[in-house]
C-alpha cells in the first residue's frame, strides 16, 4: 500500500483497519505527515506507526521527537534520538533546550557529550543555561572545548555550575584577577592577619570563601545569579518570555488547551481543561488560543 493512499483515507477507517494497513505499507511519506497520523491515535497504535516508519528508513529529527512528546512512550522517543545520533549530525542547542523535560537526564547528558565529541562548542552562556538540565561534570566537559579567555562576568556566573578547577588556567587567569579587583573595591572586610598582610588571589576563587565576611559576599552573589536565572528573562540576551501566568494556551503535542499556572525559565506548568496538569512544557510546544 502507498503512503498517499493511507494518508488520504486513514481518518475514515476503524482502528483495526488502520492497524492492518500499517503492516501493508511499503513506503512512508514526510515526517510531518507521519507525526500528524501518529498523534491522532493512542498507544500502541501510535507507536506502531512510528516504528513502521523507522523500519522503512525514516530518521526523526530532535524537533520531531519534541512534537511526538505525549503521543508515544518516552522510551521510544529516546530510541528515535539515538537513531538520529547514529547519523553523526549535531543536535542544535535550541533543540537541547526544547528536549529538556521530555527526555531523561541520562539521555540529555548523552546528547551534550555527543555534540561535544562531534565538534560542537557551547558558549559559556549556553553552559549556564543548561545548568540543572545536565550534571556539572558534563557541563565542565563541554566548557573545556571553549577556546577563548573567560570574562570576569562569565566566570562569576559559572561558579557553582562547572568545576572551575578543571578549566585551563590561561582561560581563567585574567577573569579571576578582574573578580579579585572588583571584590577588593566593594568589600570592606578587614583581611589583616598577624603578619599584617592581606591575602592575595588564590589559584581558585577561594578568596570568596576564606573568612566569614567573604562567605557572606559570595552568598549574595549566588542569590543574585539564581534570582536572574529564575526570572522570565534569559540571563544573556534579556529575551522576554512569550507567555505569562494566566494565559490560555494550546499544547500542540497534546492537542489540548489549558491555563498557565506557573513558569520557570520559559518552561510552563499548565492546568488543562480536563483538570489534569502538565509540567515543564517548552515554549515551542505552546500556542495562543481563544477556544
C-alpha atoms as a PDB file:
ATOM      1  CA  UNK A   1       0.000   0.000   0.000  1.00  0.00           C
ATOM      2  CA  UNK A   2       1.266   3.504  -0.783  1.00  0.00           C
ATOM      3  CA  UNK A   3       1.608   6.183   1.858  1.00  0.00           C
ATOM      4  CA  UNK A   4      -0.586   8.563  -0.128  1.00  0.00           C
ATOM      5  CA  UNK A   5      -3.500   6.101  -0.101  1.00  0.00           C
ATOM      6  CA  UNK A   6      -3.034   5.534   3.603  1.00  0.00           C
ATOM      7  CA  UNK A   7      -2.758   9.249   4.433  1.00  0.00           C
ATOM      8  CA  UNK A   8      -5.838  10.207   2.398  1.00  0.00           C
ATOM      9  CA  UNK A   9      -8.071   7.516   3.885  1.00  0.00           C
ATOM     10  CA  UNK A  10      -6.907   6.749   7.440  1.00  0.00           C
ATOM     11  CA  UNK A  11      -9.412   9.112   9.095  1.00  0.00           C
ATOM     12  CA  UNK A  12     -12.278   7.126   7.580  1.00  0.00           C
ATOM     13  CA  UNK A  13     -11.072   3.738   8.822  1.00  0.00           C
ATOM     14  CA  UNK A  14     -11.659   1.941  12.085  1.00  0.00           C
ATOM     15  CA  UNK A  15      -8.537   1.481  14.215  1.00  0.00           C
ATOM     16  CA  UNK A  16      -8.456  -2.221  13.372  1.00  0.00           C
ATOM     17  CA  UNK A  17      -8.324  -1.315   9.681  1.00  0.00           C
ATOM     18  CA  UNK A  18      -5.610   1.264  10.290  1.00  0.00           C
ATOM     19  CA  UNK A  19      -3.590  -1.380  12.124  1.00  0.00           C
ATOM     20  CA  UNK A  20      -3.796  -3.832   9.237  1.00  0.00           C
ATOM     21  CA  UNK A  21      -2.968  -1.144   6.679  1.00  0.00           C
ATOM     22  CA  UNK A  22       0.165  -0.151   8.613  1.00  0.00           C
ATOM     23  CA  UNK A  23       1.514  -3.656   8.086  1.00  0.00           C
ATOM     24  CA  UNK A  24       0.981  -3.385   4.334  1.00  0.00           C
ATOM     25  CA  UNK A  25       2.775  -0.056   3.909  1.00  0.00           C
ATOM     26  CA  UNK A  26       5.835  -0.299   1.652  1.00  0.00           C
ATOM     27  CA  UNK A  27       6.801   3.366   1.934  1.00  0.00           C
ATOM     28  CA  UNK A  28       6.292   6.327   4.237  1.00  0.00           C
ATOM     29  CA  UNK A  29       5.680   9.979   3.477  1.00  0.00           C
ATOM     30  CA  UNK A  30       7.131  13.174   5.012  1.00  0.00           C
ATOM     31  CA  UNK A  31       7.852  13.039   8.737  1.00  0.00           C
ATOM     32  CA  UNK A  32       5.368  15.820   9.487  1.00  0.00           C
ATOM     33  CA  UNK A  33       2.568  13.718   7.944  1.00  0.00           C
ATOM     34  CA  UNK A  34       3.717  10.639   9.848  1.00  0.00           C
ATOM     35  CA  UNK A  35       3.645  12.598  13.106  1.00  0.00           C
ATOM     36  CA  UNK A  36       0.218  14.000  12.257  1.00  0.00           C
ATOM     37  CA  UNK A  37      -1.144  10.482  11.812  1.00  0.00           C
ATOM     38  CA  UNK A  38       0.581   9.068  14.899  1.00  0.00           C
ATOM     39  CA  UNK A  39      -0.770  11.792  17.180  1.00  0.00           C
ATOM     40  CA  UNK A  40      -4.329  11.021  16.104  1.00  0.00           C
ATOM     41  CA  UNK A  41      -4.169   7.631  17.847  1.00  0.00           C
ATOM     42  CA  UNK A  42      -3.286   6.386  21.295  1.00  0.00           C
ATOM     43  CA  UNK A  43      -0.525   3.944  22.082  1.00  0.00           C
ATOM     44  CA  UNK A  44       0.182   1.191  20.995  1.00  0.00           C
ATOM     45  CA  UNK A  45      -1.156   2.163  17.561  1.00  0.00           C
ATOM     46  CA  UNK A  46       0.778   5.448  17.542  1.00  0.00           C
ATOM     47  CA  UNK A  47       3.989   3.570  18.357  1.00  0.00           C
ATOM     48  CA  UNK A  48       3.341   1.070  15.569  1.00  0.00           C
ATOM     49  CA  UNK A  49       3.136   3.898  13.041  1.00  0.00           C
ATOM     50  CA  UNK A  50       6.440   5.404  14.209  1.00  0.00           C
ATOM     51  CA  UNK A  51       8.218   2.049  14.374  1.00  0.00           C
ATOM     52  CA  UNK A  52       6.973   1.225  10.876  1.00  0.00           C
ATOM     53  CA  UNK A  53       8.444   4.481   9.629  1.00  0.00           C
ATOM     54  CA  UNK A  54      11.772   3.672  11.289  1.00  0.00           C
ATOM     55  CA  UNK A  55      11.803   0.196   9.720  1.00  0.00           C
ATOM     56  CA  UNK A  56      11.370   1.837   6.316  1.00  0.00           C
ATOM     57  CA  UNK A  57      14.360   4.106   6.859  1.00  0.00           C
ATOM     58  CA  UNK A  58      12.853   7.266   8.320  1.00  0.00           C
ATOM     59  CA  UNK A  59      15.000   9.302  10.712  1.00  0.00           C
ATOM     60  CA  UNK A  60      13.195  11.675  13.057  1.00  0.00           C
ATOM     61  CA  UNK A  61      14.856  14.963  13.996  1.00  0.00           C
ATOM     62  CA  UNK A  62      15.069  16.271  17.578  1.00  0.00           C
ATOM     63  CA  UNK A  63      12.210  18.658  16.765  1.00  0.00           C
ATOM     64  CA  UNK A  64      10.159  15.701  15.515  1.00  0.00           C
ATOM     65  CA  UNK A  65      10.842  13.958  18.816  1.00  0.00           C
ATOM     66  CA  UNK A  66       9.618  17.015  20.737  1.00  0.00           C
ATOM     67  CA  UNK A  67       6.464  17.055  18.592  1.00  0.00           C
ATOM     68  CA  UNK A  68       5.798  13.397  19.468  1.00  0.00           C
ATOM     69  CA  UNK A  69       6.023  14.004  23.213  1.00  0.00           C
ATOM     70  CA  UNK A  70       2.933  12.560  24.874  1.00  0.00           C
ATOM     71  CA  UNK A  71       1.904  10.585  21.796  1.00  0.00           C
ATOM     72  CA  UNK A  72       4.328   7.673  22.228  1.00  0.00           C
ATOM     73  CA  UNK A  73       6.204   6.243  25.233  1.00  0.00           C
ATOM     74  CA  UNK A  74       9.286   8.096  26.461  1.00  0.00           C
ATOM     75  CA  UNK A  75      11.429   5.025  25.749  1.00  0.00           C
ATOM     76  CA  UNK A  76      10.535   5.245  22.069  1.00  0.00           C
ATOM     77  CA  UNK A  77      11.426   8.953  21.994  1.00  0.00           C
ATOM     78  CA  UNK A  78      14.879   8.081  23.297  1.00  0.00           C
ATOM     79  CA  UNK A  79      15.228   5.362  20.654  1.00  0.00           C
ATOM     80  CA  UNK A  80      14.461   7.956  17.982  1.00  0.00           C
ATOM     81  CA  UNK A  81      17.087  10.341  19.370  1.00  0.00           C
ATOM     82  CA  UNK A  82      19.649   7.530  19.484  1.00  0.00           C
ATOM     83  CA  UNK A  83      18.892   6.711  15.856  1.00  0.00           C
ATOM     84  CA  UNK A  84      19.315  10.376  14.934  1.00  0.00           C
ATOM     85  CA  UNK A  85      22.707  10.458  16.673  1.00  0.00           C
ATOM     86  CA  UNK A  86      23.750   7.448  14.597  1.00  0.00           C
ATOM     87  CA  UNK A  87      23.714   9.822  11.593  1.00  0.00           C
ATOM     88  CA  UNK A  88      26.553  11.866  13.103  1.00  0.00           C
ATOM     89  CA  UNK A  89      24.625  15.113  12.708  1.00  0.00           C
ATOM     90  CA  UNK A  90      24.849  17.589  15.606  1.00  0.00           C
ATOM     91  CA  UNK A  91      21.858  18.387  17.762  1.00  0.00           C
ATOM     92  CA  UNK A  92      21.360  22.147  17.917  1.00  0.00           C
ATOM     93  CA  UNK A  93      21.449  23.944  21.236  1.00  0.00           C
ATOM     94  CA  UNK A  94      17.846  25.163  20.838  1.00  0.00           C
ATOM     95  CA  UNK A  95      16.743  21.546  20.382  1.00  0.00           C
ATOM     96  CA  UNK A  96      18.545  20.539  23.573  1.00  0.00           C
ATOM     97  CA  UNK A  97      16.598  23.189  25.476  1.00  0.00           C
ATOM     98  CA  UNK A  98      13.329  22.035  23.864  1.00  0.00           C
ATOM     99  CA  UNK A  99      14.018  18.410  24.837  1.00  0.00           C
ATOM    100  CA  UNK A 100      14.506  19.296  28.495  1.00  0.00           C
ATOM    101  CA  UNK A 101      11.679  17.714  30.460  1.00  0.00           C
ATOM    102  CA  UNK A 102      10.928  15.313  27.607  1.00  0.00           C
ATOM    103  CA  UNK A 103      13.984  13.044  27.779  1.00  0.00           C
ATOM    104  CA  UNK A 104      15.676  11.660  30.874  1.00  0.00           C
ATOM    105  CA  UNK A 105      18.688  13.466  32.324  1.00  0.00           C
ATOM    106  CA  UNK A 106      20.847  10.494  31.352  1.00  0.00           C
ATOM    107  CA  UNK A 107      19.815  10.888  27.706  1.00  0.00           C
ATOM    108  CA  UNK A 108      20.269  14.660  27.839  1.00  0.00           C
ATOM    109  CA  UNK A 109      23.812  14.114  29.065  1.00  0.00           C
ATOM    110  CA  UNK A 110      24.428  11.656  26.222  1.00  0.00           C
ATOM    111  CA  UNK A 111      23.274  14.317  23.778  1.00  0.00           C
ATOM    112  CA  UNK A 112      25.591  17.005  25.170  1.00  0.00           C
ATOM    113  CA  UNK A 113      28.584  14.658  25.186  1.00  0.00           C
ATOM    114  CA  UNK A 114      27.679  13.505  21.668  1.00  0.00           C
ATOM    115  CA  UNK A 115      27.657  17.099  20.446  1.00  0.00           C
ATOM    116  CA  UNK A 116      30.971  17.916  22.114  1.00  0.00           C
ATOM    117  CA  UNK A 117      32.619  14.786  20.716  1.00  0.00           C
ATOM    118  CA  UNK A 118      31.377  15.794  17.262  1.00  0.00           C
ATOM    119  CA  UNK A 119      32.969  19.228  17.407  1.00  0.00           C
ATOM    120  CA  UNK A 120      30.145  21.358  18.787  1.00  0.00           C
ATOM    121  CA  UNK A 121      31.407  24.191  21.000  1.00  0.00           C
ATOM    122  CA  UNK A 122      28.962  25.551  23.562  1.00  0.00           C
ATOM    123  CA  UNK A 123      29.365  29.145  24.719  1.00  0.00           C
ATOM    124  CA  UNK A 124      29.685  29.944  28.437  1.00  0.00           C
ATOM    125  CA  UNK A 125      26.204  31.479  28.274  1.00  0.00           C
ATOM    126  CA  UNK A 126      24.766  28.255  26.871  1.00  0.00           C
ATOM    127  CA  UNK A 127      26.574  26.259  29.551  1.00  0.00           C
ATOM    128  CA  UNK A 128      24.920  28.433  32.204  1.00  0.00           C
ATOM    129  CA  UNK A 129      21.508  27.971  30.578  1.00  0.00           C
ATOM    130  CA  UNK A 130      21.943  24.178  30.756  1.00  0.00           C
ATOM    131  CA  UNK A 131      22.586  24.255  34.491  1.00  0.00           C
ATOM    132  CA  UNK A 132      20.077  21.819  36.007  1.00  0.00           C
ATOM    133  CA  UNK A 133      19.448  20.081  32.695  1.00  0.00           C
ATOM    134  CA  UNK A 134      22.654  18.034  32.829  1.00  0.00           C
ATOM    135  CA  UNK A 135      25.231  17.435  35.560  1.00  0.00           C
ATOM    136  CA  UNK A 136      28.086  19.754  36.459  1.00  0.00           C
ATOM    137  CA  UNK A 137      30.559  17.133  35.250  1.00  0.00           C
ATOM    138  CA  UNK A 138      29.057  17.098  31.748  1.00  0.00           C
ATOM    139  CA  UNK A 139      28.941  20.912  31.646  1.00  0.00           C
ATOM    140  CA  UNK A 140      32.590  21.072  32.686  1.00  0.00           C
ATOM    141  CA  UNK A 141      33.432  18.564  29.954  1.00  0.00           C
ATOM    142  CA  UNK A 142      31.630  20.751  27.407  1.00  0.00           C
ATOM    143  CA  UNK A 143      33.186  24.024  28.557  1.00  0.00           C
ATOM    144  CA  UNK A 144      36.702  22.614  28.201  1.00  0.00           C
ATOM    145  CA  UNK A 145      36.217  22.899  24.427  1.00  0.00           C
ATOM    146  CA  UNK A 146      35.692  26.663  24.700  1.00  0.00           C
ATOM    147  CA  UNK A 147      38.828  28.261  23.275  1.00  0.00           C
ATOM    148  CA  UNK A 148      38.564  31.891  24.373  1.00  0.00           C
ATOM    149  CA  UNK A 149      39.501  33.501  27.697  1.00  0.00           C
ATOM    150  CA  UNK A 150      36.547  33.862  30.041  1.00  0.00           C
ATOM    151  CA  UNK A 151      35.399  37.261  31.220  1.00  0.00           C
ATOM    152  CA  UNK A 152      35.005  38.053  34.903  1.00  0.00           C
ATOM    153  CA  UNK A 153      31.215  38.076  34.490  1.00  0.00           C
ATOM    154  CA  UNK A 154      31.197  34.690  32.765  1.00  0.00           C
ATOM    155  CA  UNK A 155      33.458  33.175  35.400  1.00  0.00           C
ATOM    156  CA  UNK A 156      31.304  34.562  38.174  1.00  0.00           C
ATOM    157  CA  UNK A 157      28.131  33.014  36.777  1.00  0.00           C
ATOM    158  CA  UNK A 158      29.902  29.744  36.009  1.00  0.00           C
ATOM    159  CA  UNK A 159      30.961  29.416  39.648  1.00  0.00           C
ATOM    160  CA  UNK A 160      28.920  26.508  41.019  1.00  0.00           C
ATOM    161  CA  UNK A 161      27.764  25.462  37.545  1.00  0.00           C
ATOM    162  CA  UNK A 162      31.051  23.861  36.474  1.00  0.00           C
ATOM    163  CA  UNK A 163      34.208  22.746  38.264  1.00  0.00           C
ATOM    164  CA  UNK A 164      36.380  25.819  37.727  1.00  0.00           C
ATOM    165  CA  UNK A 165      39.483  23.970  38.935  1.00  0.00           C
ATOM    166  CA  UNK A 166      39.325  21.734  35.854  1.00  0.00           C
ATOM    167  CA  UNK A 167      39.371  24.637  33.390  1.00  0.00           C
ATOM    168  CA  UNK A 168      42.538  25.741  31.660  1.00  0.00           C
ATOM    169  CA  UNK A 169      44.338  28.423  33.690  1.00  0.00           C
ATOM    170  CA  UNK A 170      45.028  30.525  30.612  1.00  0.00           C
ATOM    171  CA  UNK A 171      41.276  30.903  30.110  1.00  0.00           C
ATOM    172  CA  UNK A 172      40.539  31.855  33.732  1.00  0.00           C
ATOM    173  CA  UNK A 173      43.604  33.786  34.968  1.00  0.00           C
ATOM    174  CA  UNK A 174      42.558  37.273  33.854  1.00  0.00           C
ATOM    175  CA  UNK A 175      38.922  36.719  34.806  1.00  0.00           C
ATOM    176  CA  UNK A 176      39.968  35.741  38.330  1.00  0.00           C
ATOM    177  CA  UNK A 177      42.154  38.798  38.553  1.00  0.00           C
ATOM    178  CA  UNK A 178      39.265  41.025  37.459  1.00  0.00           C
ATOM    179  CA  UNK A 179      36.983  39.416  40.045  1.00  0.00           C
ATOM    180  CA  UNK A 180      39.604  39.986  42.733  1.00  0.00           C
ATOM    181  CA  UNK A 181      39.858  43.640  41.758  1.00  0.00           C
ATOM    182  CA  UNK A 182      36.083  44.045  41.885  1.00  0.00           C
ATOM    183  CA  UNK A 183      35.956  42.293  45.233  1.00  0.00           C
ATOM    184  CA  UNK A 184      38.722  44.451  46.683  1.00  0.00           C
ATOM    185  CA  UNK A 185      36.852  47.548  45.539  1.00  0.00           C
ATOM    186  CA  UNK A 186      33.471  46.529  47.002  1.00  0.00           C
ATOM    187  CA  UNK A 187      34.404  44.603  50.128  1.00  0.00           C
ATOM    188  CA  UNK A 188      35.142  46.354  53.428  1.00  0.00           C
ATOM    189  CA  UNK A 189      36.142  43.243  55.372  1.00  0.00           C
ATOM    190  CA  UNK A 190      39.461  43.528  57.191  1.00  0.00           C
ATOM    191  CA  UNK A 191      41.702  40.749  55.957  1.00  0.00           C
ATOM    192  CA  UNK A 192      44.618  41.792  58.169  1.00  0.00           C
ATOM    193  CA  UNK A 193      46.315  38.795  59.786  1.00  0.00           C
ATOM    194  CA  UNK A 194      49.131  38.514  62.299  1.00  0.00           C
ATOM    195  CA  UNK A 195      51.721  39.242  59.595  1.00  0.00           C
ATOM    196  CA  UNK A 196      49.913  42.416  58.568  1.00  0.00           C
ATOM    197  CA  UNK A 197      49.435  41.128  55.041  1.00  0.00           C
ATOM    198  CA  UNK A 198      46.184  40.927  53.131  1.00  0.00           C
ATOM    199  CA  UNK A 199      45.589  37.565  51.361  1.00  0.00           C
ATOM    200  CA  UNK A 200      46.006  37.752  47.576  1.00  0.00           C
ATOM    201  CA  UNK A 201      44.116  35.964  44.802  1.00  0.00           C
ATOM    202  CA  UNK A 202      44.310  32.192  45.159  1.00  0.00           C
ATOM    203  CA  UNK A 203      44.559  29.912  42.131  1.00  0.00           C
ATOM    204  CA  UNK A 204      40.852  29.217  42.561  1.00  0.00           C
ATOM    205  CA  UNK A 205      38.147  31.553  43.779  1.00  0.00           C
ATOM    206  CA  UNK A 206      38.991  30.709  47.374  1.00  0.00           C
ATOM    207  CA  UNK A 207      39.270  34.386  48.215  1.00  0.00           C
ATOM    208  CA  UNK A 208      35.472  34.468  48.315  1.00  0.00           C
ATOM    209  CA  UNK A 209      35.317  31.734  50.945  1.00  0.00           C
ATOM    210  CA  UNK A 210      38.328  32.338  53.211  1.00  0.00           C
ATOM    211  CA  UNK A 211      36.543  34.165  56.002  1.00  0.00           C
ATOM    212  CA  UNK A 212      33.031  34.792  57.197  1.00  0.00           C
ATOM    213  CA  UNK A 213      32.739  38.238  55.595  1.00  0.00           C
ATOM    214  CA  UNK A 214      33.812  36.898  52.217  1.00  0.00           C
ATOM    215  CA  UNK A 215      31.386  33.979  52.509  1.00  0.00           C
ATOM    216  CA  UNK A 216      28.505  36.381  53.017  1.00  0.00           C
ATOM    217  CA  UNK A 217      29.578  38.394  49.986  1.00  0.00           C
ATOM    218  CA  UNK A 218      29.755  35.262  47.830  1.00  0.00           C
ATOM    219  CA  UNK A 219      26.354  34.124  49.092  1.00  0.00           C
ATOM    220  CA  UNK A 220      24.785  37.388  47.954  1.00  0.00           C
ATOM    221  CA  UNK A 221      26.334  36.921  44.518  1.00  0.00           C
ATOM    222  CA  UNK A 222      24.932  33.398  44.219  1.00  0.00           C
ATOM    223  CA  UNK A 223      21.487  34.534  45.328  1.00  0.00           C
ATOM    224  CA  UNK A 224      21.517  37.300  42.717  1.00  0.00           C
ATOM    225  CA  UNK A 225      22.571  34.853  39.985  1.00  0.00           C
ATOM    226  CA  UNK A 226      19.834  32.380  40.951  1.00  0.00           C
ATOM    227  CA  UNK A 227      17.240  35.139  41.007  1.00  0.00           C
ATOM    228  CA  UNK A 228      18.187  36.180  37.488  1.00  0.00           C
ATOM    229  CA  UNK A 229      18.100  32.575  36.255  1.00  0.00           C
ATOM    230  CA  UNK A 230      14.607  32.067  37.714  1.00  0.00           C
ATOM    231  CA  UNK A 231      13.176  35.224  36.146  1.00  0.00           C
ATOM    232  CA  UNK A 232      11.147  35.290  32.940  1.00  0.00           C
ATOM    233  CA  UNK A 233      14.200  36.606  31.047  1.00  0.00           C
ATOM    234  CA  UNK A 234      17.221  34.856  29.617  1.00  0.00           C
ATOM    235  CA  UNK A 235      20.357  35.672  31.576  1.00  0.00           C
ATOM    236  CA  UNK A 236      22.116  36.654  28.363  1.00  0.00           C
ATOM    237  CA  UNK A 237      20.114  38.307  25.633  1.00  0.00           C
ATOM    238  CA  UNK A 238      17.356  39.528  28.004  1.00  0.00           C
ATOM    239  CA  UNK A 239      14.668  37.987  25.801  1.00  0.00           C
ATOM    240  CA  UNK A 240      11.238  38.207  27.489  1.00  0.00           C
ATOM    241  CA  UNK A 241       9.088  35.141  27.939  1.00  0.00           C
ATOM    242  CA  UNK A 242       6.355  34.867  25.314  1.00  0.00           C
ATOM    243  CA  UNK A 243       3.624  33.666  27.686  1.00  0.00           C
ATOM    244  CA  UNK A 244       2.662  34.509  31.253  1.00  0.00           C
ATOM    245  CA  UNK A 245       0.782  33.055  34.195  1.00  0.00           C
ATOM    246  CA  UNK A 246      -2.947  33.163  33.482  1.00  0.00           C
ATOM    247  CA  UNK A 247      -2.614  32.947  29.693  1.00  0.00           C
ATOM    248  CA  UNK A 248      -4.950  30.497  27.969  1.00  0.00           C
ATOM    249  CA  UNK A 249      -2.918  28.365  25.544  1.00  0.00           C
ATOM    250  CA  UNK A 250      -2.976  25.207  23.450  1.00  0.00           C
ATOM    251  CA  UNK A 251      -0.348  22.489  23.907  1.00  0.00           C
ATOM    252  CA  UNK A 252       0.492  21.322  20.402  1.00  0.00           C
ATOM    253  CA  UNK A 253       1.847  17.883  21.316  1.00  0.00           C
ATOM    254  CA  UNK A 254      -1.252  17.028  23.381  1.00  0.00           C
ATOM    255  CA  UNK A 255      -3.755  18.895  21.201  1.00  0.00           C
ATOM    256  CA  UNK A 256      -5.365  20.192  24.379  1.00  0.00           C
ATOM    257  CA  UNK A 257      -5.902  23.643  25.853  1.00  0.00           C
ATOM    258  CA  UNK A 258      -5.462  24.997  29.338  1.00  0.00           C
ATOM    259  CA  UNK A 259      -4.255  27.834  31.571  1.00  0.00           C
ATOM    260  CA  UNK A 260      -0.644  28.578  32.558  1.00  0.00           C
ATOM    261  CA  UNK A 261      -0.363  28.347  36.358  1.00  0.00           C
ATOM    262  CA  UNK A 262       3.402  28.626  36.831  1.00  0.00           C
ATOM    263  CA  UNK A 263       6.600  29.261  34.836  1.00  0.00           C
ATOM    264  CA  UNK A 264      10.367  28.959  35.280  1.00  0.00           C
ATOM    265  CA  UNK A 265      12.965  29.785  32.614  1.00  0.00           C
ATOM    266  CA  UNK A 266      10.424  29.635  29.786  1.00  0.00           C
ATOM    267  CA  UNK A 267       9.098  26.252  30.966  1.00  0.00           C
ATOM    268  CA  UNK A 268       5.399  26.305  31.819  1.00  0.00           C
ATOM    269  CA  UNK A 269       3.105  24.388  34.161  1.00  0.00           C
ATOM    270  CA  UNK A 270      -0.372  24.185  32.607  1.00  0.00           C
ATOM    271  CA  UNK A 271      -3.741  23.154  34.048  1.00  0.00           C
ATOM    272  CA  UNK A 272      -5.637  21.565  31.178  1.00  0.00           C
ATOM    273  CA  UNK A 273      -9.375  21.991  30.684  1.00  0.00           C
ATOM    274  CA  UNK A 274      -9.939  18.364  31.731  1.00  0.00           C
ATOM    275  CA  UNK A 275      -8.433  19.105  35.157  1.00  0.00           C
ATOM    276  CA  UNK A 276      -5.067  17.409  34.604  1.00  0.00           C
ATOM    277  CA  UNK A 277      -1.712  19.169  34.800  1.00  0.00           C
ATOM    278  CA  UNK A 278       1.318  19.301  32.518  1.00  0.00           C
ATOM    279  CA  UNK A 279       4.675  20.316  33.983  1.00  0.00           C
ATOM    280  CA  UNK A 280       7.680  21.985  32.359  1.00  0.00           C
ATOM    281  CA  UNK A 281       6.152  22.420  28.895  1.00  0.00           C
ATOM    282  CA  UNK A 282       8.541  24.136  26.461  1.00  0.00           C
ATOM    283  CA  UNK A 283       7.624  27.436  24.840  1.00  0.00           C
ATOM    284  CA  UNK A 284       7.970  25.814  21.416  1.00  0.00           C
ATOM    285  CA  UNK A 285       5.106  23.435  22.289  1.00  0.00           C
ATOM    286  CA  UNK A 286       2.636  26.235  23.118  1.00  0.00           C
ATOM    287  CA  UNK A 287       0.439  28.496  21.042  1.00  0.00           C
ATOM    288  CA  UNK A 288      -2.179  31.061  21.967  1.00  0.00           C
ATOM    289  CA  UNK A 289      -5.824  30.116  21.581  1.00  0.00           C
ATOM    290  CA  UNK A 290      -9.196  31.638  22.340  1.00  0.00           C
ATOM    291  CA  UNK A 291     -11.119  28.348  22.429  1.00  0.00           C
END
